[in-house]
Each structure stands twice: as C-alpha cells, then as structure tokens.
C-alpha atoms as a PDB file:
ATOM      1  CA  UNK A   1       0.117  -0.010   0.147  1.00  0.00           C
ATOM      2  CA  UNK A   2       2.704   2.498   0.996  1.00  0.00           C
ATOM      3  CA  UNK A   3       4.356   1.742  -2.461  1.00  0.00           C
ATOM      4  CA  UNK A   4       1.265   2.536  -4.221  1.00  0.00           C
ATOM      5  CA  UNK A   5       0.543   5.931  -2.463  1.00  0.00           C
ATOM      6  CA  UNK A   6       4.120   7.093  -2.901  1.00  0.00           C
ATOM      7  CA  UNK A   7       3.670   6.122  -6.767  1.00  0.00           C
ATOM      8  CA  UNK A   8       0.556   8.182  -6.766  1.00  0.00           C
ATOM      9  CA  UNK A   9       2.072  11.013  -4.967  1.00  0.00           C
ATOM     10  CA  UNK A  10       5.140  10.971  -7.111  1.00  0.00           C
ATOM     11  CA  UNK A  11       3.165  10.742 -10.365  1.00  0.00           C
ATOM     12  CA  UNK A  12       0.947  13.661  -8.928  1.00  0.00           C
ATOM     13  CA  UNK A  13       3.731  16.014  -8.151  1.00  0.00           C
ATOM     14  CA  UNK A  14       5.300  15.127 -11.394  1.00  0.00           C
ATOM     15  CA  UNK A  15       2.024  16.282 -13.283  1.00  0.00           C
ATOM     16  CA  UNK A  16       1.702  19.179 -11.463  1.00  0.00           C
ATOM     17  CA  UNK A  17       5.160  20.393 -11.936  1.00  0.00           C
ATOM     18  CA  UNK A  18       5.068  20.013 -15.727  1.00  0.00           C
ATOM     19  CA  UNK A  19       1.419  21.862 -15.663  1.00  0.00           C
ATOM     20  CA  UNK A  20       3.345  24.594 -13.687  1.00  0.00           C
ATOM     21  CA  UNK A  21       6.447  24.598 -16.040  1.00  0.00           C
ATOM     22  CA  UNK A  22       4.014  24.734 -18.850  1.00  0.00           C
ATOM     23  CA  UNK A  23       2.196  27.618 -17.802  1.00  0.00           C
ATOM     24  CA  UNK A  24       5.185  29.265 -16.580  1.00  0.00           C
ATOM     25  CA  UNK A  25       6.848  29.089 -20.133  1.00  0.00           C
ATOM     26  CA  UNK A  26       3.372  30.378 -21.712  1.00  0.00           C
ATOM     27  CA  UNK A  27       3.273  33.679 -19.321  1.00  0.00           C
ATOM     28  CA  UNK A  28       6.850  34.243 -20.205  1.00  0.00           C
ATOM     29  CA  UNK A  29       6.019  33.694 -23.967  1.00  0.00           C
ATOM     30  CA  UNK A  30       2.809  36.197 -23.668  1.00  0.00           C
ATOM     31  CA  UNK A  31       4.667  38.764 -21.814  1.00  0.00           C
ATOM     32  CA  UNK A  32       7.222  38.763 -24.793  1.00  0.00           C
ATOM     33  CA  UNK A  33       4.712  39.258 -27.010  1.00  0.00           C
ATOM     34  CA  UNK A  34       3.019  42.043 -25.153  1.00  0.00           C
ATOM     35  CA  UNK A  35       6.389  43.765 -25.214  1.00  0.00           C
ATOM     36  CA  UNK A  36       7.044  43.309 -28.904  1.00  0.00           C
ATOM     37  CA  UNK A  37       3.361  44.473 -29.394  1.00  0.00           C
ATOM     38  CA  UNK A  38       4.307  47.945 -27.481  1.00  0.00           C
ATOM     39  CA  UNK A  39       7.246  48.739 -29.432  1.00  0.00           C
ATOM     40  CA  UNK A  40       5.139  47.924 -32.825  1.00  0.00           C
ATOM     41  CA  UNK A  41       2.515  50.603 -31.506  1.00  0.00           C
ATOM     42  CA  UNK A  42       5.189  53.034 -30.585  1.00  0.00           C
ATOM     43  CA  UNK A  43       6.783  52.772 -33.768  1.00  0.00           C
ATOM     44  CA  UNK A  44       3.817  53.117 -35.609  1.00  0.00           C
ATOM     45  CA  UNK A  45       2.667  56.277 -33.272  1.00  0.00           C
ATOM     46  CA  UNK A  46       6.053  57.558 -34.383  1.00  0.00           C
ATOM     47  CA  UNK A  47       5.325  57.020 -38.312  1.00  0.00           C
ATOM     48  CA  UNK A  48       1.859  58.785 -37.586  1.00  0.00           C
ATOM     49  CA  UNK A  49       3.173  61.938 -36.090  1.00  0.00           C
ATOM     50  CA  UNK A  50       6.099  61.919 -38.992  1.00  0.00           C
ATOM     51  CA  UNK A  51       3.286  61.501 -41.529  1.00  0.00           C
ATOM     52  CA  UNK A  52       1.073  64.431 -39.818  1.00  0.00           C
ATOM     53  CA  UNK A  53       4.131  66.836 -39.827  1.00  0.00           C
ATOM     54  CA  UNK A  54       4.573  66.119 -43.500  1.00  0.00           C
ATOM     55  CA  UNK A  55       1.158  66.618 -44.307  1.00  0.00           C
ATOM     56  CA  UNK A  56       1.077  70.003 -42.598  1.00  0.00           C
ATOM     57  CA  UNK A  57       4.445  71.108 -44.155  1.00  0.00           C
ATOM     58  CA  UNK A  58       2.594  70.109 -47.660  1.00  0.00           C
ATOM     59  CA  UNK A  59      -0.883  71.880 -47.146  1.00  0.00           C
ATOM     60  CA  UNK A  60       0.831  74.768 -45.907  1.00  0.00           C
ATOM     61  CA  UNK A  61      -0.276  78.113 -47.544  1.00  0.00           C
ATOM     62  CA  UNK A  62       3.506  79.561 -47.922  1.00  0.00           C
ATOM     63  CA  UNK A  63       4.384  76.087 -50.013  1.00  0.00           C
ATOM     64  CA  UNK A  64       1.279  76.081 -52.317  1.00  0.00           C
ATOM     65  CA  UNK A  65       1.560  80.079 -53.123  1.00  0.00           C
ATOM     66  CA  UNK A  66       5.298  79.224 -53.880  1.00  0.00           C
ATOM     67  CA  UNK A  67       4.547  76.475 -56.167  1.00  0.00           C
ATOM     68  CA  UNK A  68       1.800  78.485 -58.017  1.00  0.00           C
ATOM     69  CA  UNK A  69       4.170  81.484 -58.499  1.00  0.00           C
ATOM     70  CA  UNK A  70       7.176  79.034 -59.636  1.00  0.00           C
ATOM     71  CA  UNK A  71       5.073  76.637 -61.918  1.00  0.00           C
ATOM     72  CA  UNK A  72       2.184  78.647 -63.244  1.00  0.00           C
ATOM     73  CA  UNK A  73       3.548  82.330 -63.095  1.00  0.00           C
ATOM     74  CA  UNK A  74       0.631  83.366 -60.867  1.00  0.00           C
ATOM     75  CA  UNK A  75       0.639  85.929 -58.000  1.00  0.00           C
ATOM     76  CA  UNK A  76      -1.917  86.822 -55.261  1.00  0.00           C
ATOM     77  CA  UNK A  77      -2.988  90.365 -56.115  1.00  0.00           C
ATOM     78  CA  UNK A  78      -2.896  92.882 -53.602  1.00  0.00           C
ATOM     79  CA  UNK A  79      -5.889  93.904 -51.509  1.00  0.00           C
ATOM     80  CA  UNK A  80      -8.250  96.671 -53.136  1.00  0.00           C
ATOM     81  CA  UNK A  81     -10.430  99.085 -50.957  1.00  0.00           C
ATOM     82  CA  UNK A  82     -13.757  98.844 -51.782  1.00  0.00           C
ATOM     83  CA  UNK A  83     -16.323 101.322 -51.932  1.00  0.00           C
ATOM     84  CA  UNK A  84     -19.680 100.698 -50.982  1.00  0.00           C
ATOM     85  CA  UNK A  85     -22.516 103.001 -51.767  1.00  0.00           C
ATOM     86  CA  UNK A  86     -25.646 103.059 -50.037  1.00  0.00           C
ATOM     87  CA  UNK A  87     -28.784 105.118 -51.387  1.00  0.00           C
END
C-alpha cells in the first residue's frame, strides 16, 4: 500500500510540475509578445506623427503659394479698397 501511495504522490507531483512549468513558459512567451506589440505600437505612433508633420508642411499656404508662383507664374493680388454706396 505504501508503494502505491508513494507512486501516486510522485506521479501527481510530476504532473503538477509539468503543468506549472508549461503555464510559466506560456506566461513568459505572452509577456514577450506584449513587449513586442508595445514596441510596434510606439513605432507606428512615431510614423503617424512624422506623416502628420509632412501633411501639414505639404498643405501649408506658403508652400502652395510658392509652387503656384514658380510653375504657373501666378501671384496673389494686393487687396483693393472697396467702396460701398448706399442709397
């Protein structure tokens, strides 16, 4: 009887350790995945900031005016005074 109990106890302990180690390794792998995803998120956020900056530059009034003046020889007329006559 004692041998049977020792065998069952040893088997149970071994199974417990295998399950524990498996769960521990899964947690470690998930932790590494989370770190990797956070780094990818930061890289994407930085790319978005760069692209927004480029968009702001490309859509700036000064840039568009300079391109229009260079390529199409257009210019912005000076403001004229407007006289309104009320009768």
